[in-house]
Amino acid sequence: MPLVVLANVWYSCNKKSKTIISPDGVPVVVAFSGEYYKRDLTLNKLLQKIFVTFMEPYIRVQMDEEEYVLIRSIIFSHFVTNGLSKEGQKFLLSESEKYCGILMRMLQKRYGQLRGATRYAELLHLVEFCFKCGNYLSTFLNYVDNVLEQGRFEKVMPAPLIDLCLRCKNVKLPEITGI
């Protein structure tokens, strides 16, 4: 989910939007603006937090394309799932450290030692924030699936995608070794 958040925020920021938008330019919150959803305070609080309020730090920081690619790589290498071997986890940790080092050196070269380190801290805060937003997005999807539209996800989504979106523990990946 943190990668979904990062991709959506990146796209929306590049389109100069102050809210998460879909590829056709429509704010995601508009999809839930009908009468059916208006009276649901829980849904509306989650929508506001996830698709509007959580944009503020990203808008403030204004990542460029190189920073985005490195942040994405850091999140990819932090994203450990069940079934990953200890060797695989160590490999991902070393990759994450490598990308963090590349990001720090790039920023310090670009902005100088102190300002580069400050920018690095801002960007790493966004990594943490992506995970936090991902948890909220999962909560939102669980609310939609379990309260608003029970059983709809099972009709339109494959089980592994449902498990990923809802953070279910039903699907175990096979042990991945040799990494």
Protein backbone atom coordinates (compact mmCIF):
# COMPACT_ATOMS: atom_id res chain seq x y z
CA MET A 1 0.00 0.00 0.00
CA PRO A 2 2.81 2.52 0.59
CA LEU A 3 3.76 2.28 -3.08
CA VAL A 4 0.16 2.87 -4.13
CA VAL A 5 0.10 5.95 -1.92
CA LEU A 6 3.40 7.24 -3.32
CA ALA A 7 2.33 6.71 -6.94
CA ASN A 8 -1.04 8.42 -6.40
CA VAL A 9 0.52 11.36 -4.57
CA TRP A 10 3.26 11.73 -7.19
CA TYR A 11 0.73 11.74 -10.02
CA SER A 12 -1.58 14.19 -8.24
CA CYS A 13 1.26 16.56 -7.28
CA ASN A 14 2.51 16.58 -10.87
CA LYS A 15 -0.98 17.58 -11.99
CA LYS A 16 -0.87 20.44 -9.42
CA SER A 17 -3.80 18.97 -7.51
CA LYS A 18 -4.33 19.51 -3.79
CA THR A 19 -6.20 16.22 -3.54
CA ILE A 20 -5.62 12.69 -4.88
CA ILE A 21 -6.99 12.50 -8.42
CA SER A 22 -7.63 9.70 -10.85
CA PRO A 23 -5.94 9.63 -14.28
CA ASP A 24 -8.93 11.40 -15.82
CA GLY A 25 -8.41 14.30 -13.39
CA VAL A 26 -11.40 13.62 -11.16
CA PRO A 27 -10.73 13.81 -7.40
CA VAL A 28 -11.18 10.38 -5.77
CA VAL A 29 -13.48 11.88 -3.13
CA VAL A 30 -16.00 12.71 -5.89
CA ALA A 31 -16.60 8.98 -6.39
CA PHE A 32 -18.05 8.95 -2.86
CA SER A 33 -20.04 12.19 -3.07
CA GLY A 34 -23.45 10.68 -3.84
CA GLU A 35 -26.40 10.68 -1.45
CA TYR A 36 -25.67 7.08 -0.42
CA TYR A 37 -22.33 8.08 1.09
CA LYS A 38 -23.04 11.61 2.37
CA ARG A 39 -24.52 10.53 5.70
CA ASP A 40 -21.64 8.22 6.58
CA LEU A 41 -19.41 10.31 8.88
CA THR A 42 -16.76 7.59 9.23
CA LEU A 43 -16.39 7.28 5.47
CA ASN A 44 -16.21 11.04 5.00
CA LYS A 45 -13.56 11.46 7.71
CA LEU A 46 -11.45 8.72 6.12
CA LEU A 47 -11.90 10.23 2.65
CA GLN A 48 -10.85 13.67 3.85
CA LYS A 49 -7.83 12.35 5.72
CA ILE A 50 -6.55 9.95 3.05
CA PHE A 51 -7.28 11.82 -0.16
CA VAL A 52 -6.98 15.47 0.93
CA THR A 53 -5.17 16.04 4.25
CA PHE A 54 -2.41 13.50 3.57
CA MET A 55 -1.43 15.40 0.41
CA GLU A 56 -0.14 18.39 2.40
CA PRO A 57 3.34 17.05 3.30
CA TYR A 58 3.97 15.94 -0.28
CA ILE A 59 2.86 19.29 -1.67
CA ARG A 60 5.13 21.07 0.81
CA VAL A 61 8.21 18.94 0.00
CA GLN A 62 7.76 18.93 -3.81
CA MET A 63 9.82 15.88 -4.81
CA ASP A 64 11.54 15.96 -8.16
CA GLU A 65 11.70 12.94 -10.47
CA GLU A 66 15.09 11.65 -9.27
CA GLU A 67 14.00 11.90 -5.64
CA TYR A 68 10.75 10.10 -6.47
CA VAL A 69 12.56 7.20 -8.14
CA LEU A 70 14.95 6.80 -5.20
CA ILE A 71 12.14 7.07 -2.62
CA ARG A 72 10.21 4.46 -4.57
CA SER A 73 13.28 2.19 -4.58
CA ILE A 74 13.67 2.64 -0.83
CA ILE A 75 10.04 1.69 -0.26
CA PHE A 76 10.36 -1.32 -2.60
CA SER A 77 13.35 -2.55 -0.64
CA HIS A 78 11.62 -2.00 2.72
CA PHE A 79 8.45 -3.75 1.65
CA VAL A 80 8.92 -7.18 3.24
CA THR A 81 6.10 -9.67 3.05
CA ASN A 82 5.55 -13.02 4.72
CA GLY A 83 7.52 -15.96 3.40
CA LEU A 84 10.71 -14.03 2.61
CA SER A 85 13.85 -15.83 3.78
CA LYS A 86 16.35 -14.26 6.19
CA GLU A 87 18.80 -13.99 3.30
CA GLY A 88 16.18 -12.17 1.25
CA GLN A 89 15.48 -9.79 4.11
CA LYS A 90 19.20 -9.06 4.50
CA PHE A 91 19.50 -8.45 0.78
CA LEU A 92 16.59 -6.00 0.82
CA LEU A 93 18.07 -4.21 3.83
CA SER A 94 21.39 -3.77 2.02
CA GLU A 95 19.55 -2.50 -1.08
CA SER A 96 17.60 -0.04 1.04
CA GLU A 97 20.82 1.22 2.63
CA LYS A 98 22.36 1.55 -0.83
CA TYR A 99 19.47 3.65 -2.16
CA CYS A 100 19.47 5.78 1.01
CA GLY A 101 23.19 6.43 0.50
CA ILE A 102 22.65 7.37 -3.15
CA LEU A 103 19.87 9.75 -2.15
CA MET A 104 21.98 11.39 0.58
CA ARG A 105 25.00 11.86 -1.71
CA MET A 106 22.84 13.24 -4.50
CA LEU A 107 21.14 15.73 -2.20
CA GLN A 108 24.37 16.86 -0.55
CA LYS A 109 25.99 17.35 -3.93
CA ARG A 110 22.97 19.31 -5.11
CA TYR A 111 22.29 21.42 -1.98
CA GLY A 112 25.45 21.24 0.13
CA GLN A 113 26.15 19.25 3.30
CA LEU A 114 23.62 20.76 5.73
CA ARG A 115 20.80 21.60 3.34
CA GLY A 116 21.23 18.22 1.61
CA ALA A 117 20.97 16.39 4.93
CA THR A 118 17.87 18.43 5.80
CA ARG A 119 16.26 17.57 2.48
CA TYR A 120 17.18 13.91 3.02
CA ALA A 121 15.40 13.95 6.39
CA GLU A 122 12.31 15.52 4.78
CA LEU A 123 12.22 12.84 2.11
CA LEU A 124 12.73 9.97 4.56
CA HIS A 125 9.87 11.38 6.60
CA LEU A 126 7.76 10.99 3.46
CA VAL A 127 8.76 7.31 3.28
CA GLU A 128 7.47 6.80 6.82
CA PHE A 129 4.38 8.81 5.91
CA CYS A 130 3.73 6.55 2.88
CA PHE A 131 3.53 3.56 5.22
CA LYS A 132 1.20 5.45 7.57
CA CYS A 133 -1.02 6.52 4.66
CA GLY A 134 -0.95 2.96 3.35
CA ASN A 135 -2.35 1.75 6.67
CA TYR A 136 -5.12 4.34 6.51
CA LEU A 137 -5.86 3.35 2.91
CA SER A 138 -6.13 -0.28 4.00
CA THR A 139 -8.50 0.77 6.81
CA PHE A 140 -10.58 2.69 4.28
CA LEU A 141 -10.76 -0.29 1.92
CA ASN A 142 -11.70 -2.58 4.81
CA TYR A 143 -14.46 -0.17 5.80
CA VAL A 144 -15.82 -0.07 2.26
CA ASP A 145 -15.63 -3.87 1.91
CA ASN A 146 -16.97 -4.84 5.33
CA VAL A 147 -19.46 -2.05 6.07
CA LEU A 148 -20.60 -0.27 2.92
CA GLU A 149 -20.46 -2.84 0.15
CA GLN A 150 -20.16 -6.25 1.76
CA GLY A 151 -18.98 -8.96 -0.61
CA ARG A 152 -18.43 -6.65 -3.59
CA PHE A 153 -14.63 -6.97 -3.58
CA GLU A 154 -14.88 -10.76 -3.91
CA LYS A 155 -16.97 -10.33 -7.05
CA VAL A 156 -14.61 -7.98 -8.87
CA MET A 157 -11.08 -8.62 -7.54
CA PRO A 158 -8.79 -11.66 -7.44
CA ALA A 159 -8.11 -13.03 -3.93
CA PRO A 160 -4.40 -12.03 -3.75
CA LEU A 161 -5.29 -8.41 -4.60
CA ILE A 162 -8.02 -8.42 -1.96
CA ASP A 163 -5.53 -9.75 0.59
CA LEU A 164 -3.00 -7.07 -0.34
CA CYS A 165 -5.54 -4.23 -0.22
CA LEU A 166 -7.22 -5.38 2.97
CA ARG A 167 -4.00 -6.57 4.63
CA CYS A 168 -5.43 -10.04 5.13
CA LYS A 169 -3.18 -12.85 6.22
CA ASN A 170 -5.02 -15.52 4.21
CA VAL A 171 -2.49 -15.85 1.42
CA LYS A 172 1.02 -16.98 2.30
CA LEU A 173 3.72 -16.61 -0.29
CA PRO A 174 5.97 -19.61 -0.81
CA GLU A 175 9.33 -19.44 0.94
CA ILE A 176 11.64 -17.46 -1.30
CA THR A 177 15.24 -18.58 -1.00
CA GLY A 178 18.45 -18.04 -2.83
CA ILE A 179 18.37 -14.26 -2.76
